[in-house]
Protein backbone atom coordinates (compact mmCIF):
# COMPACT_ATOMS: atom_id res chain seq x y z
CA MET A 1 14.36 58.91 8.90
CA HIS A 2 11.62 56.60 10.16
CA PHE A 3 10.14 53.67 8.12
CA SER A 4 6.84 51.98 8.92
CA ASN A 5 6.66 48.23 9.45
CA TRP A 6 4.93 47.77 6.07
CA GLU A 7 7.76 49.53 4.29
CA LYS A 8 10.29 47.34 6.08
CA VAL A 9 8.41 44.14 5.16
CA GLY A 10 8.02 45.30 1.53
CA PHE A 11 11.72 46.08 1.27
CA ALA A 12 12.63 42.67 2.79
CA VAL A 13 10.41 40.83 0.28
CA LEU A 14 11.82 42.83 -2.62
CA LEU A 15 15.39 42.24 -1.46
CA ALA A 16 14.74 38.49 -1.06
CA ALA A 17 13.27 38.32 -4.58
CA TRP A 18 16.32 40.10 -6.01
CA VAL A 19 18.71 37.74 -4.18
CA ILE A 20 16.83 34.66 -5.45
CA TRP A 21 16.67 36.01 -9.01
CA GLY A 22 20.34 37.02 -9.00
CA THR A 23 21.45 33.66 -7.55
CA ASN A 24 19.46 31.84 -10.23
CA LYS A 25 21.00 33.94 -13.03
CA ILE A 26 24.54 33.49 -11.72
CA GLY A 27 24.00 29.78 -11.18
CA ASN A 28 22.66 29.28 -14.71
CA THR A 29 25.66 31.09 -16.20
CA LEU A 30 28.16 29.04 -14.19
CA VAL A 31 26.56 25.61 -14.59
CA HIS A 32 25.25 24.32 -17.90
CA ALA A 33 23.00 21.29 -17.29
CA HIS A 34 22.44 18.83 -20.12
CA GLU A 35 20.24 15.75 -20.33
CA LEU A 36 22.02 12.41 -20.16
CA LYS A 37 21.72 10.09 -23.14
CA GLU A 38 21.67 7.07 -20.82
CA ASN A 39 21.41 6.53 -17.09
CA ALA A 40 24.57 7.13 -15.07
CA PHE A 41 23.77 4.16 -12.85
CA LYS A 42 22.54 0.89 -14.34
CA ILE A 43 19.85 -0.87 -12.33
CA GLU A 44 19.51 -4.59 -13.00
CA GLY A 45 16.10 -5.65 -14.35
CA VAL A 46 14.87 -2.15 -15.16
CA GLU A 47 14.58 -1.08 -18.75
CA LYS A 48 13.87 2.42 -19.91
CA ALA A 49 10.50 2.41 -21.67
CA GLU A 50 10.25 4.58 -24.71
CA SER A 51 7.42 7.04 -24.39
CA GLY A 52 4.15 5.20 -24.98
CA LYS A 53 5.53 2.47 -27.27
CA ALA A 54 5.10 -0.26 -24.63
CA ASP A 55 1.46 0.74 -24.06
CA LYS A 56 0.73 0.70 -27.80
CA ALA A 57 2.37 -2.69 -28.19
CA GLU A 58 0.31 -4.06 -25.31
CA ALA A 59 -2.88 -2.60 -26.78
CA ALA A 60 -2.25 -4.60 -29.95
CA VAL A 61 -2.28 -7.88 -27.97
CA PRO A 62 -5.78 -9.41 -27.93
CA PHE A 63 -7.49 -9.56 -24.52
CA GLY A 64 -7.76 -13.36 -24.63
CA GLN A 65 -4.00 -13.64 -25.07
CA LEU A 66 -3.41 -11.23 -22.15
CA LEU A 67 -5.78 -13.30 -20.02
CA ALA A 68 -3.99 -16.52 -20.98
CA SER A 69 -0.65 -15.12 -19.85
CA ALA A 70 -2.07 -13.48 -16.69
CA SER A 71 -1.34 -14.50 -13.12
CA ALA A 72 -3.75 -14.41 -10.18
CA GLU A 73 -0.80 -13.85 -7.82
CA ALA A 74 0.19 -10.72 -9.74
CA GLY A 75 -3.48 -9.73 -9.68
CA ALA A 76 -3.46 -9.90 -5.88
CA ALA A 77 -0.66 -7.34 -5.84
CA VAL A 78 -2.52 -5.03 -8.24
CA PHE A 79 -5.78 -5.52 -6.31
CA LYS A 80 -4.20 -3.69 -3.37
CA LYS A 81 -5.16 -0.50 -5.25
CA CYS A 82 -8.79 -1.66 -5.01
CA ALA A 83 -8.72 -3.03 -1.44
CA SER A 84 -9.32 0.34 0.17
CA CYS A 85 -12.86 0.31 -1.27
CA HIS A 86 -13.61 -3.38 -2.00
CA THR A 87 -13.40 -6.75 -0.26
CA THR A 88 -13.27 -10.20 -1.86
CA GLU A 89 -14.16 -12.50 1.06
CA LYS A 90 -17.22 -14.69 0.69
CA GLY A 91 -20.01 -12.96 2.58
CA GLY A 92 -17.69 -10.03 3.29
CA ALA A 93 -19.01 -6.61 4.13
CA ASN A 94 -19.37 -3.82 1.63
CA LYS A 95 -17.06 -0.88 2.02
CA VAL A 96 -17.24 2.27 -0.10
CA GLY A 97 -17.65 -0.18 -3.00
CA PRO A 98 -19.41 -3.55 -3.03
CA ASN A 99 -17.91 -6.86 -1.95
CA LEU A 100 -16.54 -8.51 -5.11
CA TRP A 101 -17.03 -12.18 -4.23
CA GLY A 102 -18.54 -13.85 -7.30
CA VAL A 103 -18.39 -10.73 -9.46
CA VAL A 104 -16.93 -12.56 -12.50
CA GLY A 105 -19.93 -13.81 -14.45
CA GLY A 106 -22.33 -12.14 -12.02
CA LYS A 107 -25.02 -9.61 -12.77
CA LEU A 108 -23.87 -6.05 -13.43
CA ALA A 109 -24.72 -3.90 -10.39
CA GLY A 110 -26.17 -7.01 -8.79
CA HIS A 111 -24.54 -7.36 -5.36
CA ASP A 112 -27.28 -7.46 -2.74
CA GLY A 113 -27.11 -4.81 -0.07
CA PHE A 114 -25.16 -2.26 -2.10
CA LYS A 115 -26.71 0.85 -3.64
CA TYR A 116 -25.23 1.27 -7.11
CA SER A 117 -25.33 4.46 -9.14
CA SER A 118 -28.12 4.70 -11.68
CA ALA A 119 -25.43 4.91 -14.38
CA LEU A 120 -24.07 1.44 -13.59
CA SER A 121 -27.51 -0.02 -12.81
CA GLY A 122 -28.72 1.16 -16.21
CA VAL A 123 -26.02 -0.68 -18.15
CA GLY A 124 -27.49 -4.13 -17.49
CA GLY A 125 -26.03 -7.49 -18.45
CA GLN A 126 -23.33 -9.63 -16.86
CA TRP A 127 -19.78 -9.03 -15.68
CA SER A 128 -18.22 -10.96 -18.55
CA TYR A 129 -14.44 -10.99 -18.91
CA GLU A 130 -14.70 -8.37 -21.65
CA ASN A 131 -17.01 -6.12 -19.60
CA LEU A 132 -14.68 -6.35 -16.61
CA ASP A 133 -11.75 -5.44 -18.84
CA LYS A 134 -13.56 -2.39 -20.22
CA PHE A 135 -14.72 -1.32 -16.76
CA LEU A 136 -11.29 -1.71 -15.17
CA ALA A 137 -9.72 0.26 -18.04
CA SER A 138 -11.98 3.24 -17.34
CA PRO A 139 -15.03 3.00 -15.06
CA ALA A 140 -16.20 6.46 -16.16
CA ALA A 141 -16.12 5.51 -19.84
CA PHE A 142 -17.88 2.17 -19.23
CA ALA A 143 -20.76 3.74 -17.27
CA LYS A 144 -20.92 7.51 -17.71
CA GLY A 145 -21.91 9.05 -14.38
CA THR A 146 -20.78 6.15 -12.19
CA LYS A 147 -19.99 6.94 -8.56
CA MET A 148 -16.69 5.06 -8.80
CA THR A 149 -13.95 7.67 -8.94
CA PHE A 150 -11.04 5.31 -9.70
CA ALA A 151 -9.33 6.36 -12.94
CA GLY A 152 -8.78 2.79 -14.10
CA LEU A 153 -5.90 0.43 -14.88
CA LYS A 154 -4.23 1.52 -18.09
CA LYS A 155 -2.14 -1.62 -18.65
CA GLY A 156 -4.03 -4.53 -20.16
CA SER A 157 -1.77 -7.02 -18.36
CA GLU A 158 -2.70 -5.50 -14.98
CA ARG A 159 -6.41 -5.72 -15.82
CA ALA A 160 -6.04 -9.35 -16.89
CA ASN A 161 -4.19 -10.17 -13.66
CA VAL A 162 -6.91 -8.55 -11.53
CA ILE A 163 -9.65 -10.37 -13.45
CA LEU A 164 -7.95 -13.72 -12.82
CA TYR A 165 -7.58 -12.78 -9.15
CA LEU A 166 -11.30 -11.95 -8.96
CA ARG A 167 -12.12 -15.20 -10.78
CA GLN A 168 -10.55 -17.11 -7.88
CA HIS A 169 -13.06 -15.48 -5.54
CA HIS A 170 -16.10 -17.28 -6.86
CA ASP A 171 -17.93 -20.51 -5.98
CA ASN A 172 -18.33 -21.53 -9.63
CA PRO A 173 -16.37 -19.21 -11.93
CA PRO A 174 -17.27 -19.10 -15.62
CA PRO A 175 -14.79 -20.78 -17.98
CA LEU A 176 -12.03 -18.67 -19.46
CA PRO A 177 -12.66 -17.46 -23.02
């Protein structure tokens, strides 16, 4: 009896699927996995966050209080997420996004030499601490249709740290609220 190559390949695929399915069934009957109530290995300094409760607790903290407890050094570490598209040096070049020297207190969509989206240009106003916080939380929600594709910083403490970091990159930063 002679089999074509397609029949041989089909039989091999079917046989492999049966072996995988059978191994899975046998494995599941022999081993009963259960979720651990606590970690098997304790790691110093790491706490298990309960789903979403830390974020809700942080959301209840007023922005001014988050800003007062923020750190520019921690903001430098968080800003690394932004550094692929932005620079903060005085007179620095624009990248995909504008140079952010003097952005705190500056005009919204006001950096010379950078073409902003009409969505952000249409917002108008200044980059106040509150506006920066809203924008960093969700650029798309702040200016619907913005070209900035970054999803945003969900933690208020991270946003406050980045804002303090950006405040350092200014000739005459506005006073803290």
